[in-house]
Amino acid sequence: MLNVGGIVLTPVLAFALIRWGIPRSGLETSGLFVRISRILFLSLVVASGIIFLQLLANSALLVGQALIEPLGSFGFIGGFISQLGDVLNMITPAVIALAGGAVVGSPLSSLGQRISDRYSIRSVKIINFLLSAIAGALLFILIGALINWFYQINDPLKIYGWPGGAGALIGLLLALRSNPKDSIPIGSSLYAITRTILNAIRSIEPLVMVIVFAVWVGIGPFAGVLALGLHTIAALAKLYSEQVESIMSGPLEAVQATGANRLQTIVYAVVPQIIPPYISFTMYRWDINVRMSTIIGFAGGGGIGFLLQQNINLLDYRAASAQMLAIAIVVASMDYISSTLRKRFV
């Protein structure tokens, strides 16, 4: 009961805090106390979002495990809900890390710029060498820990020693090539790295992904959901990013002319331009996933495709024809629903 109450109340609280923390008018003047209060309230929004994820994950685990026995032959639905709770528990630390990095990154960036402006080139170069070596070592140690999670090497020297040394060396080499007084385009670097990772994910077909996930989590609908979900994230990220890059600059200049800050410009000038195409892209990808789910079932992704393959192998063509008819009805219905929603909202 507490989980349900928390799931209902935390989004309401976060919405109220966002409405107060982001002023609608860019011309209003705010004192130092009000600005600090808004920063604290926006930090509470991030914390409430993390709490919401944790409560939702615990509720999914409890509800899924409670539904397995009562549903009988449909108990896989309860197992699927429970596995979704496990996935949410897995991604919550990543969300916390991203939120913490966003909160800490801005003041550290300002601190680094002050150090660069205040000290001499030699001092800044020494600091740059040290920080680059530490950053490279930490990055490669994280990669080694990830590899150890997959392959269970359990050798500290191979997991932490060699990757840390190689990362520190690469960081020093990169620091040698850079000018210590130059500002690093962090946003562009993150954009390039993220886009490269998503391009690599998108180049792998969902049929190959479902085979990997079937080995990882077992044959069933959860493996199919993971395969389609990962490929969908990579595909939609490309479409979303291209849409953001092609927005009109007129509304941006108009909102900035009122004195709006960067966050207000995004909320009131960027978001209204991207919502209609985002809805259209999402519906289009949903339509693709409905069709792909049948093929995913043939490769171990569960669902009606897996049942259809079983009936064809057993020469039970009557049941196979009924399932093919059900697939055709579902695909046609989803196509009609998606086209109706696109006409109404886009």
Protein backbone atom coordinates (compact mmCIF):
# COMPACT_ATOMS: atom_id res chain seq x y z
CA MET A 1 0.00 0.00 0.00
CA LEU A 2 2.87 2.36 0.77
CA ASN A 3 4.41 1.58 -2.63
CA VAL A 4 1.16 2.45 -4.43
CA GLY A 5 0.84 5.70 -2.47
CA GLY A 6 4.43 6.63 -3.24
CA ILE A 7 3.99 5.84 -6.95
CA VAL A 8 0.94 8.13 -7.10
CA LEU A 9 2.31 10.97 -4.98
CA THR A 10 5.89 11.30 -6.27
CA PRO A 11 4.96 12.30 -9.88
CA VAL A 12 2.45 14.85 -8.51
CA LEU A 13 5.09 16.27 -6.18
CA ALA A 14 7.69 16.36 -8.97
CA PHE A 15 5.26 18.16 -11.31
CA ALA A 16 4.46 20.77 -8.65
CA LEU A 17 8.15 21.34 -7.94
CA ILE A 18 8.94 21.70 -11.64
CA ARG A 19 6.13 24.23 -12.10
CA TRP A 20 7.53 26.33 -9.29
CA GLY A 21 11.22 25.76 -10.02
CA ILE A 22 10.96 26.85 -13.68
CA PRO A 23 9.42 30.34 -13.90
CA ARG A 24 7.23 31.00 -16.91
CA SER A 25 8.38 34.56 -17.50
CA GLY A 26 11.99 35.30 -18.31
CA LEU A 27 11.59 38.96 -17.33
CA GLU A 28 10.91 38.41 -13.63
CA THR A 29 13.76 39.19 -11.27
CA SER A 30 14.60 36.71 -8.54
CA GLY A 31 16.73 37.19 -5.46
CA LEU A 32 19.56 34.94 -4.40
CA PHE A 33 17.39 33.10 -1.89
CA VAL A 34 14.75 32.33 -4.53
CA ARG A 35 17.38 31.04 -6.97
CA ILE A 36 18.94 28.78 -4.34
CA SER A 37 15.48 27.54 -3.37
CA ARG A 38 14.69 26.71 -6.99
CA ILE A 39 17.93 24.74 -7.32
CA LEU A 40 17.09 22.81 -4.17
CA PHE A 41 13.57 22.10 -5.39
CA LEU A 42 14.84 20.88 -8.76
CA SER A 43 17.24 18.60 -6.88
CA LEU A 44 14.21 17.28 -5.00
CA VAL A 45 12.59 16.57 -8.38
CA VAL A 46 15.55 14.37 -9.32
CA ALA A 47 15.40 12.62 -5.94
CA SER A 48 11.65 12.04 -6.26
CA GLY A 49 12.19 10.55 -9.72
CA ILE A 50 14.73 8.10 -8.30
CA ILE A 51 12.37 7.20 -5.45
CA PHE A 52 9.58 6.70 -8.00
CA LEU A 53 11.72 4.25 -10.00
CA GLN A 54 12.61 2.30 -6.86
CA LEU A 55 8.99 2.11 -5.68
CA LEU A 56 7.81 1.10 -9.14
CA ALA A 57 10.47 -1.64 -9.32
CA ASN A 58 9.52 -3.05 -5.90
CA SER A 59 5.81 -2.95 -6.78
CA ALA A 60 6.43 -4.73 -10.08
CA LEU A 61 8.42 -7.45 -8.29
CA LEU A 62 5.70 -8.01 -5.68
CA VAL A 63 2.79 -7.90 -8.13
CA GLY A 64 4.53 -10.12 -10.68
CA GLN A 65 5.43 -12.80 -8.14
CA ALA A 66 1.90 -12.71 -6.69
CA LEU A 67 0.31 -13.18 -10.13
CA ILE A 68 2.33 -16.20 -11.29
CA GLU A 69 0.25 -18.88 -9.51
CA PRO A 70 -3.28 -17.36 -9.83
CA LEU A 71 -2.89 -16.84 -13.60
CA GLY A 72 -2.10 -20.51 -14.24
CA SER A 73 -1.12 -21.01 -17.88
CA PHE A 74 -0.82 -17.24 -18.25
CA GLY A 75 1.63 -17.07 -15.38
CA PHE A 76 4.33 -15.87 -17.76
CA ILE A 77 2.65 -12.44 -17.54
CA GLY A 78 3.42 -12.32 -13.83
CA GLY A 79 6.97 -13.47 -14.52
CA PHE A 80 7.30 -10.77 -17.15
CA ILE A 81 6.12 -8.07 -14.72
CA SER A 82 8.53 -9.36 -12.10
CA GLN A 83 11.40 -9.28 -14.60
CA LEU A 84 10.51 -5.70 -15.48
CA GLY A 85 10.94 -4.91 -11.80
CA ASP A 86 14.39 -6.50 -11.93
CA VAL A 87 15.27 -4.37 -14.95
CA LEU A 88 14.16 -1.21 -13.14
CA ASN A 89 16.29 -2.18 -10.15
CA MET A 90 19.24 -2.63 -12.50
CA ILE A 91 18.87 0.75 -14.22
CA THR A 92 18.21 2.74 -11.03
CA PRO A 93 21.95 2.98 -10.14
CA ALA A 94 22.65 4.16 -13.68
CA VAL A 95 19.96 6.84 -13.33
CA ILE A 96 21.43 7.91 -9.99
CA ALA A 97 24.90 8.09 -11.55
CA LEU A 98 23.66 10.19 -14.47
CA ALA A 99 21.73 12.53 -12.16
CA GLY A 100 24.74 12.86 -9.85
CA GLY A 101 27.03 13.55 -12.80
CA ALA A 102 24.66 16.23 -14.08
CA VAL A 103 24.52 17.89 -10.65
CA VAL A 104 28.28 17.70 -9.98
CA GLY A 105 29.39 18.39 -13.56
CA SER A 106 28.26 22.00 -13.76
CA PRO A 107 30.06 23.33 -10.63
CA LEU A 108 33.18 21.31 -11.44
CA SER A 109 33.19 22.73 -14.95
CA SER A 110 33.01 26.26 -13.54
CA LEU A 111 35.79 25.41 -11.08
CA GLY A 112 38.00 24.09 -13.88
CA GLN A 113 37.44 27.23 -15.93
CA ARG A 114 38.41 29.40 -12.95
CA ILE A 115 41.59 27.39 -12.40
CA SER A 116 42.44 27.70 -16.08
CA ASP A 117 41.96 31.48 -16.01
CA ARG A 118 43.75 32.09 -12.72
CA TYR A 119 46.89 29.92 -12.87
CA SER A 120 49.78 29.79 -15.31
CA ILE A 121 49.97 27.47 -18.30
CA ARG A 122 52.56 25.25 -16.58
CA SER A 123 50.42 24.73 -13.47
CA VAL A 124 47.32 24.09 -15.54
CA LYS A 125 49.25 21.59 -17.67
CA ILE A 126 50.34 19.62 -14.59
CA ILE A 127 46.76 19.55 -13.28
CA ASN A 128 45.57 18.53 -16.74
CA PHE A 129 48.03 15.61 -16.80
CA LEU A 130 46.94 14.37 -13.37
CA LEU A 131 43.21 14.63 -14.03
CA SER A 132 43.51 13.05 -17.50
CA ALA A 133 45.44 10.10 -16.07
CA ILE A 134 42.88 9.63 -13.26
CA ALA A 135 39.94 9.92 -15.68
CA GLY A 136 41.45 7.44 -18.14
CA ALA A 137 42.26 4.97 -15.36
CA LEU A 138 38.74 5.17 -13.90
CA LEU A 139 37.12 4.74 -17.31
CA PHE A 140 39.14 1.64 -18.18
CA ILE A 141 38.62 0.19 -14.69
CA LEU A 142 34.86 0.53 -15.20
CA ILE A 143 35.18 -1.22 -18.55
CA GLY A 144 37.19 -4.00 -16.89
CA ALA A 145 34.54 -4.37 -14.18
CA LEU A 146 31.86 -4.63 -16.88
CA ILE A 147 33.83 -7.33 -18.71
CA ASN A 148 34.31 -9.17 -15.41
CA TRP A 149 30.54 -9.03 -14.83
CA PHE A 150 30.02 -10.83 -18.15
CA TYR A 151 32.90 -13.34 -18.07
CA GLN A 152 33.65 -13.72 -14.30
CA ILE A 153 37.43 -13.33 -14.64
CA ASN A 154 37.83 -12.58 -10.90
CA ASP A 155 41.48 -11.56 -11.24
CA PRO A 156 42.10 -8.10 -9.67
CA LEU A 157 45.24 -7.52 -11.74
CA LYS A 158 43.42 -8.18 -15.02
CA ILE A 159 40.28 -6.33 -13.94
CA TYR A 160 41.77 -3.23 -12.28
CA GLY A 161 45.56 -3.22 -12.70
CA TRP A 162 46.16 -3.54 -16.43
CA PRO A 163 43.07 -1.58 -17.55
CA GLY A 164 43.83 1.20 -15.05
CA GLY A 165 47.44 1.50 -16.24
CA ALA A 166 46.41 1.47 -19.90
CA GLY A 167 43.71 4.09 -19.26
CA ALA A 168 46.13 6.35 -17.38
CA LEU A 169 48.65 6.09 -20.24
CA ILE A 170 46.01 6.93 -22.86
CA GLY A 171 44.83 9.86 -20.73
CA LEU A 172 48.39 11.21 -20.53
CA LEU A 173 48.84 10.89 -24.30
CA LEU A 174 45.60 12.77 -24.91
CA ALA A 175 46.64 15.46 -22.41
CA LEU A 176 49.92 15.91 -24.29
CA ARG A 177 48.09 16.68 -27.52
CA SER A 178 45.64 19.18 -26.00
CA ASN A 179 46.20 22.81 -25.08
CA PRO A 180 45.60 23.16 -21.32
CA LYS A 181 43.95 26.57 -21.77
CA ASP A 182 41.44 25.39 -24.37
CA SER A 183 37.91 24.57 -23.24
CA ILE A 184 36.77 21.02 -23.94
CA PRO A 185 33.44 20.72 -25.81
CA ILE A 186 31.91 18.25 -23.36
CA GLY A 187 28.49 18.34 -24.97
CA SER A 188 29.83 17.62 -28.45
CA SER A 189 32.07 14.84 -27.11
CA LEU A 190 29.20 13.15 -25.28
CA TYR A 191 27.01 13.54 -28.37
CA ALA A 192 29.60 11.89 -30.61
CA ILE A 193 30.21 9.02 -28.17
CA THR A 194 26.50 8.39 -27.61
CA ARG A 195 25.72 8.51 -31.31
CA THR A 196 28.53 6.05 -32.08
CA ILE A 197 27.22 3.60 -29.46
CA LEU A 198 23.64 3.89 -30.74
CA ASN A 199 24.79 3.41 -34.35
CA ALA A 200 26.59 0.23 -33.31
CA ILE A 201 23.47 -1.05 -31.50
CA ARG A 202 21.24 -0.17 -34.45
CA SER A 203 23.48 -2.07 -36.85
CA ILE A 204 22.66 -5.34 -35.04
CA GLU A 205 19.38 -6.88 -36.16
CA PRO A 206 16.73 -7.70 -33.51
CA LEU A 207 16.88 -11.37 -34.56
CA VAL A 208 20.52 -11.52 -33.49
CA MET A 209 19.76 -9.62 -30.29
CA VAL A 210 16.96 -11.99 -29.31
CA ILE A 211 19.30 -14.98 -29.62
CA VAL A 212 21.75 -13.29 -27.24
CA PHE A 213 19.02 -12.31 -24.78
CA ALA A 214 17.46 -15.79 -24.96
CA VAL A 215 20.79 -17.20 -23.76
CA TRP A 216 20.97 -14.54 -21.05
CA VAL A 217 17.43 -14.52 -19.61
CA GLY A 218 16.00 -17.69 -21.16
CA ILE A 219 13.58 -18.37 -23.99
CA GLY A 220 10.39 -16.37 -23.52
CA PRO A 221 8.71 -13.03 -24.12
CA PHE A 222 11.16 -11.18 -21.88
CA ALA A 223 14.03 -11.89 -24.29
CA GLY A 224 11.92 -10.60 -27.17
CA VAL A 225 11.01 -7.44 -25.26
CA LEU A 226 14.67 -6.75 -24.48
CA ALA A 227 15.70 -7.24 -28.12
CA LEU A 228 12.95 -5.06 -29.55
CA GLY A 229 13.34 -2.48 -26.80
CA LEU A 230 17.10 -2.07 -27.30
CA HIS A 231 16.81 -1.79 -31.08
CA THR A 232 13.86 0.62 -30.71
CA ILE A 233 15.84 2.87 -28.35
CA ALA A 234 18.71 3.07 -30.84
CA ALA A 235 16.43 3.74 -33.81
CA LEU A 236 14.27 6.34 -32.06
CA ALA A 237 17.33 8.10 -30.62
CA LYS A 238 18.57 8.70 -34.18
CA LEU A 239 15.20 10.05 -35.31
CA TYR A 240 14.79 12.18 -32.19
CA SER A 241 18.28 13.69 -32.42
CA GLU A 242 17.85 14.56 -36.11
CA GLN A 243 14.55 16.24 -35.33
CA VAL A 244 16.15 18.36 -32.60
CA GLU A 245 18.94 19.36 -34.99
CA SER A 246 16.41 20.53 -37.62
CA ILE A 247 14.20 22.73 -35.42
CA MET A 248 13.55 26.33 -36.49
CA SER A 249 15.75 28.99 -34.92
CA GLY A 250 13.03 31.67 -34.91
CA PRO A 251 11.24 30.53 -31.72
CA LEU A 252 14.60 30.09 -29.99
CA GLU A 253 15.63 33.66 -30.74
CA ALA A 254 12.22 34.99 -29.71
CA VAL A 255 12.30 33.24 -26.33
CA GLN A 256 15.93 34.21 -25.68
CA ALA A 257 15.08 37.84 -26.50
CA THR A 258 12.76 37.88 -23.47
CA GLY A 259 15.71 37.06 -21.19
CA ALA A 260 14.98 33.36 -20.78
CA ASN A 261 17.76 31.09 -19.56
CA ARG A 262 18.82 27.87 -21.26
CA LEU A 263 16.36 25.61 -19.46
CA GLN A 264 13.45 27.96 -20.16
CA THR A 265 14.47 28.13 -23.82
CA ILE A 266 14.35 24.34 -24.06
CA VAL A 267 10.97 24.11 -22.29
CA TYR A 268 9.19 26.87 -24.20
CA ALA A 269 10.93 26.93 -27.60
CA VAL A 270 12.40 23.48 -28.29
CA VAL A 271 9.87 21.10 -26.72
CA PRO A 272 6.77 22.50 -28.54
CA GLN A 273 8.54 21.99 -31.88
CA ILE A 274 9.58 18.39 -31.27
CA ILE A 275 6.48 16.90 -29.59
CA PRO A 276 4.41 16.31 -32.81
CA PRO A 277 7.22 14.56 -34.75
CA TYR A 278 8.19 12.62 -31.62
CA ILE A 279 4.64 11.26 -31.39
CA SER A 280 4.70 10.38 -35.09
CA PHE A 281 8.07 8.59 -34.84
CA THR A 282 6.97 6.71 -31.72
CA MET A 283 3.74 5.49 -33.34
CA TYR A 284 5.64 4.46 -36.46
CA ARG A 285 8.13 2.44 -34.42
CA TRP A 286 5.30 0.90 -32.41
CA ASP A 287 3.76 -0.26 -35.69
CA ILE A 288 7.08 -1.82 -36.74
CA ASN A 289 7.48 -3.61 -33.39
CA VAL A 290 4.02 -5.18 -33.67
CA ARG A 291 5.03 -6.75 -36.97
CA MET A 292 8.50 -7.71 -35.77
CA SER A 293 7.22 -9.44 -32.63
CA THR A 294 6.04 -12.45 -34.66
CA ILE A 295 9.44 -12.93 -36.30
CA ILE A 296 11.16 -12.43 -32.94
CA GLY A 297 9.11 -15.34 -31.56
CA PHE A 298 10.60 -17.70 -34.16
CA ALA A 299 14.09 -16.96 -32.77
CA GLY A 300 13.18 -17.65 -29.13
CA GLY A 301 11.49 -14.39 -28.20
CA GLY A 302 8.27 -16.05 -27.04
CA GLY A 303 4.79 -14.80 -27.79
CA ILE A 304 2.50 -15.90 -30.59
CA GLY A 305 5.42 -16.32 -33.01
CA PHE A 306 6.89 -19.04 -30.79
CA LEU A 307 3.50 -20.80 -30.60
CA LEU A 308 3.10 -20.51 -34.37
CA GLN A 309 6.48 -22.14 -34.93
CA GLN A 310 5.58 -24.98 -32.55
CA ASN A 311 2.28 -25.68 -34.32
CA ILE A 312 3.94 -25.65 -37.75
CA ASN A 313 6.59 -28.11 -36.54
CA LEU A 314 3.84 -30.34 -35.08
CA LEU A 315 1.90 -30.15 -38.39
CA ASP A 316 -1.08 -28.67 -36.55
CA TYR A 317 -2.05 -26.41 -39.41
CA ARG A 318 -5.52 -25.69 -38.05
CA ALA A 319 -4.09 -24.02 -34.94
CA ALA A 320 -1.35 -22.37 -37.03
CA SER A 321 -3.92 -20.89 -39.43
CA ALA A 322 -5.96 -19.54 -36.48
CA GLN A 323 -2.83 -17.92 -35.06
CA MET A 324 -1.93 -16.41 -38.43
CA LEU A 325 -5.45 -14.99 -38.68
CA ALA A 326 -5.08 -13.52 -35.17
CA ILE A 327 -1.74 -11.96 -36.17
CA ALA A 328 -3.32 -10.40 -39.27
CA ILE A 329 -6.22 -8.97 -37.22
CA VAL A 330 -3.87 -7.53 -34.59
CA VAL A 331 -1.56 -5.96 -37.19
CA ALA A 332 -4.49 -4.44 -39.11
CA SER A 333 -6.03 -3.11 -35.88
CA MET A 334 -2.74 -1.60 -34.73
CA ASP A 335 -2.23 0.00 -38.14
CA TYR A 336 -5.71 1.58 -37.96
CA ILE A 337 -5.19 2.79 -34.37
CA SER A 338 -1.76 4.29 -35.11
CA SER A 339 -3.00 6.08 -38.24
CA THR A 340 -5.97 7.48 -36.31
CA LEU A 341 -3.76 8.73 -33.50
CA ARG A 342 -1.32 10.31 -35.96
CA LYS A 343 -4.14 12.16 -37.70
CA ARG A 344 -5.53 13.39 -34.40
CA PHE A 345 -2.38 14.49 -32.57
CA VAL A 346 0.20 15.20 -35.30
